[in-house]
Amino acid sequence: VNSKGNIPVSIIVDELPTLYFHKIDRLIGTARSNKVAVTLGFQELPQLEADYGKVGMQKIITTCGNIFMGAARNKETLEWAQNDVFGKAKQTSRSISINDNKVSTTISET
């Protein structure tokens, strides 16, 4: 399946930690160029780490091109999502107050 010249294929695995794929990071890394879409589903990072180890988990999550998240509850998973996946955005707001005597503008960044 994962070689040049084959028809496009989609591999969908839900509950990834219940299965073991030898060198799954290589599959993820080479699949796109071979017209293979790989979708992996799992609940939380500690669940993935328990079965693939810390290094295996890191290889999997850093090789994925797109990440979709649902209702994560684990602190480690939430911190990873906030700091490494989605990041933080600066938001600038501006307000204008007009009184009888003057106009004032306030700009704030959060």
C-alpha atoms as a PDB file:
ATOM      1  CA  VAL A   1       0.000   0.000   0.000  1.00  0.00           C
ATOM      2  CA  ASN A   2       2.638   2.533   1.052  1.00  0.00           C
ATOM      3  CA  SER A   3       4.731   2.584  -2.127  1.00  0.00           C
ATOM      4  CA  LYS A   4       4.926   4.631  -5.323  1.00  0.00           C
ATOM      5  CA  GLY A   5       2.397   4.040  -8.082  1.00  0.00           C
ATOM      6  CA  ASN A   6      -0.473   2.623  -6.019  1.00  0.00           C
ATOM      7  CA  ILE A   7      -4.004   3.983  -5.937  1.00  0.00           C
ATOM      8  CA  PRO A   8      -4.894   6.449  -3.146  1.00  0.00           C
ATOM      9  CA  VAL A   9      -5.759   4.700   0.127  1.00  0.00           C
ATOM     10  CA  SER A  10      -6.960   5.808   3.541  1.00  0.00           C
ATOM     11  CA  ILE A  11      -5.852   3.965   6.676  1.00  0.00           C
ATOM     12  CA  ILE A  12      -8.016   4.785   9.692  1.00  0.00           C
ATOM     13  CA  VAL A  13      -7.116   3.412  13.118  1.00  0.00           C
ATOM     14  CA  ASP A  14      -9.233   4.282  16.140  1.00  0.00           C
ATOM     15  CA  GLU A  15      -7.949   3.483  19.636  1.00  0.00           C
ATOM     16  CA  LEU A  16      -4.356   3.297  18.363  1.00  0.00           C
ATOM     17  CA  PRO A  17      -2.910   2.177  21.729  1.00  0.00           C
ATOM     18  CA  THR A  18      -4.875  -1.090  21.495  1.00  0.00           C
ATOM     19  CA  LEU A  19      -2.760  -2.070  18.459  1.00  0.00           C
ATOM     20  CA  TYR A  20       0.968  -2.020  17.858  1.00  0.00           C
ATOM     21  CA  PHE A  21       2.393  -0.915  14.523  1.00  0.00           C
ATOM     22  CA  HIS A  22       6.108  -1.510  14.025  1.00  0.00           C
ATOM     23  CA  LYS A  23       7.766   1.736  12.845  1.00  0.00           C
ATOM     24  CA  ILE A  24       4.465   3.614  12.620  1.00  0.00           C
ATOM     25  CA  ASP A  25       6.359   6.913  12.463  1.00  0.00           C
ATOM     26  CA  ARG A  26       7.838   5.818   9.116  1.00  0.00           C
ATOM     27  CA  LEU A  27       4.365   4.991   7.803  1.00  0.00           C
ATOM     28  CA  ILE A  28       3.122   8.441   8.799  1.00  0.00           C
ATOM     29  CA  GLY A  29       6.201  10.145   7.376  1.00  0.00           C
ATOM     30  CA  THR A  30       6.168   8.463   3.965  1.00  0.00           C
ATOM     31  CA  ALA A  31       2.446   7.869   3.456  1.00  0.00           C
ATOM     32  CA  ARG A  32       1.460  11.292   2.147  1.00  0.00           C
ATOM     33  CA  SER A  33       3.902  11.189  -0.754  1.00  0.00           C
ATOM     34  CA  ASN A  34       2.544   7.738  -1.674  1.00  0.00           C
ATOM     35  CA  LYS A  35      -1.094   8.896  -1.696  1.00  0.00           C
ATOM     36  CA  VAL A  36      -1.916   7.213   1.617  1.00  0.00           C
ATOM     37  CA  ALA A  37      -3.960   9.164   4.166  1.00  0.00           C
ATOM     38  CA  VAL A  38      -3.340   7.989   7.734  1.00  0.00           C
ATOM     39  CA  THR A  39      -5.821   8.859  10.492  1.00  0.00           C
ATOM     40  CA  LEU A  40      -4.938   7.791  14.031  1.00  0.00           C
ATOM     41  CA  GLY A  41      -7.288   8.128  16.976  1.00  0.00           C
ATOM     42  CA  PHE A  42      -6.454   7.916  20.671  1.00  0.00           C
ATOM     43  CA  GLN A  43      -7.820   9.354  23.906  1.00  0.00           C
ATOM     44  CA  GLU A  44      -4.929  10.870  25.850  1.00  0.00           C
ATOM     45  CA  LEU A  45      -1.123  11.123  25.622  1.00  0.00           C
ATOM     46  CA  PRO A  46      -0.462   8.891  28.684  1.00  0.00           C
ATOM     47  CA  GLN A  47      -2.503   6.132  27.024  1.00  0.00           C
ATOM     48  CA  LEU A  48      -0.335   6.374  23.910  1.00  0.00           C
ATOM     49  CA  GLU A  49       2.856   6.565  25.980  1.00  0.00           C
ATOM     50  CA  ALA A  50       1.931   3.458  27.986  1.00  0.00           C
ATOM     51  CA  ASP A  51       1.916   1.304  24.855  1.00  0.00           C
ATOM     52  CA  TYR A  52       4.466   3.016  22.581  1.00  0.00           C
ATOM     53  CA  GLY A  53       6.824   4.448  25.216  1.00  0.00           C
ATOM     54  CA  LYS A  54       7.886   8.086  25.569  1.00  0.00           C
ATOM     55  CA  VAL A  55      10.089   8.036  22.448  1.00  0.00           C
ATOM     56  CA  GLY A  56       7.476   6.229  20.346  1.00  0.00           C
ATOM     57  CA  MET A  57       4.763   8.639  21.474  1.00  0.00           C
ATOM     58  CA  GLN A  58       6.948  11.643  20.594  1.00  0.00           C
ATOM     59  CA  LYS A  59       7.692  10.201  17.145  1.00  0.00           C
ATOM     60  CA  ILE A  60       3.986   9.688  16.469  1.00  0.00           C
ATOM     61  CA  ILE A  61       2.786  13.120  17.599  1.00  0.00           C
ATOM     62  CA  THR A  62       5.611  15.045  15.938  1.00  0.00           C
ATOM     63  CA  THR A  63       5.276  13.262  12.584  1.00  0.00           C
ATOM     64  CA  CYS A  64       1.543  13.929  12.181  1.00  0.00           C
ATOM     65  CA  GLY A  65       0.721  16.777   9.805  1.00  0.00           C
ATOM     66  CA  ASN A  66      -2.732  17.639  11.158  1.00  0.00           C
ATOM     67  CA  ILE A  67      -4.113  17.264  14.657  1.00  0.00           C
ATOM     68  CA  PHE A  68      -7.785  17.298  15.593  1.00  0.00           C
ATOM     69  CA  MET A  69      -8.794  17.319  19.252  1.00  0.00           C
ATOM     70  CA  GLY A  70     -11.981  16.644  21.131  1.00  0.00           C
ATOM     71  CA  ALA A  71     -12.775  16.585  24.820  1.00  0.00           C
ATOM     72  CA  ALA A  72      -9.364  15.871  26.363  1.00  0.00           C
ATOM     73  CA  ARG A  73      -9.338  15.652  30.158  1.00  0.00           C
ATOM     74  CA  ASN A  74      -5.772  14.698  31.044  1.00  0.00           C
ATOM     75  CA  LYS A  75      -3.563  17.559  32.272  1.00  0.00           C
ATOM     76  CA  GLU A  76      -0.537  16.492  30.191  1.00  0.00           C
ATOM     77  CA  THR A  77      -2.673  16.227  27.052  1.00  0.00           C
ATOM     78  CA  LEU A  78      -4.281  19.616  27.656  1.00  0.00           C
ATOM     79  CA  GLU A  79      -0.921  21.323  28.254  1.00  0.00           C
ATOM     80  CA  TRP A  80       0.499  19.738  25.084  1.00  0.00           C
ATOM     81  CA  ALA A  81      -2.494  20.967  23.102  1.00  0.00           C
ATOM     82  CA  GLN A  82      -2.225  24.481  24.504  1.00  0.00           C
ATOM     83  CA  ASN A  83       1.542  24.893  24.282  1.00  0.00           C
ATOM     84  CA  ASP A  84       2.616  22.757  21.318  1.00  0.00           C
ATOM     85  CA  VAL A  85      -0.395  22.306  19.052  1.00  0.00           C
ATOM     86  CA  PHE A  86      -2.592  25.377  19.162  1.00  0.00           C
ATOM     87  CA  GLY A  87      -0.350  27.916  20.892  1.00  0.00           C
ATOM     88  CA  LYS A  88      -1.471  31.295  22.078  1.00  0.00           C
ATOM     89  CA  ALA A  89      -2.667  34.250  20.063  1.00  0.00           C
ATOM     90  CA  LYS A  90      -2.193  37.890  20.918  1.00  0.00           C
ATOM     91  CA  GLN A  91      -5.345  39.877  20.643  1.00  0.00           C
ATOM     92  CA  THR A  92      -5.370  43.649  20.370  1.00  0.00           C
ATOM     93  CA  SER A  93      -8.475  45.624  21.157  1.00  0.00           C
ATOM     94  CA  ARG A  94      -9.177  49.323  20.864  1.00  0.00           C
ATOM     95  CA  SER A  95     -11.923  51.280  22.534  1.00  0.00           C
ATOM     96  CA  ILE A  96     -12.960  54.862  22.004  1.00  0.00           C
ATOM     97  CA  SER A  97     -14.786  56.963  24.588  1.00  0.00           C
ATOM     98  CA  ILE A  98     -16.463  60.172  23.565  1.00  0.00           C
ATOM     99  CA  ASN A  99     -17.586  62.703  26.165  1.00  0.00           C
ATOM    100  CA  ASP A 100     -18.815  66.252  25.804  1.00  0.00           C
ATOM    101  CA  ASN A 101     -15.314  67.588  26.424  1.00  0.00           C
ATOM    102  CA  LYS A 102     -12.918  65.014  24.963  1.00  0.00           C
ATOM    103  CA  VAL A 103     -12.318  61.844  22.981  1.00  0.00           C
ATOM    104  CA  SER A 104     -10.056  59.157  24.446  1.00  0.00           C
ATOM    105  CA  THR A 105      -8.711  55.989  22.887  1.00  0.00           C
ATOM    106  CA  THR A 106      -7.496  52.923  24.766  1.00  0.00           C
ATOM    107  CA  ILE A 107      -5.507  50.127  23.143  1.00  0.00           C
ATOM    108  CA  SER A 108      -4.898  46.891  25.036  1.00  0.00           C
ATOM    109  CA  GLU A 109      -3.215  43.625  24.158  1.00  0.00           C
ATOM    110  CA  THR A 110      -3.999  40.286  25.776  1.00  0.00           C
END
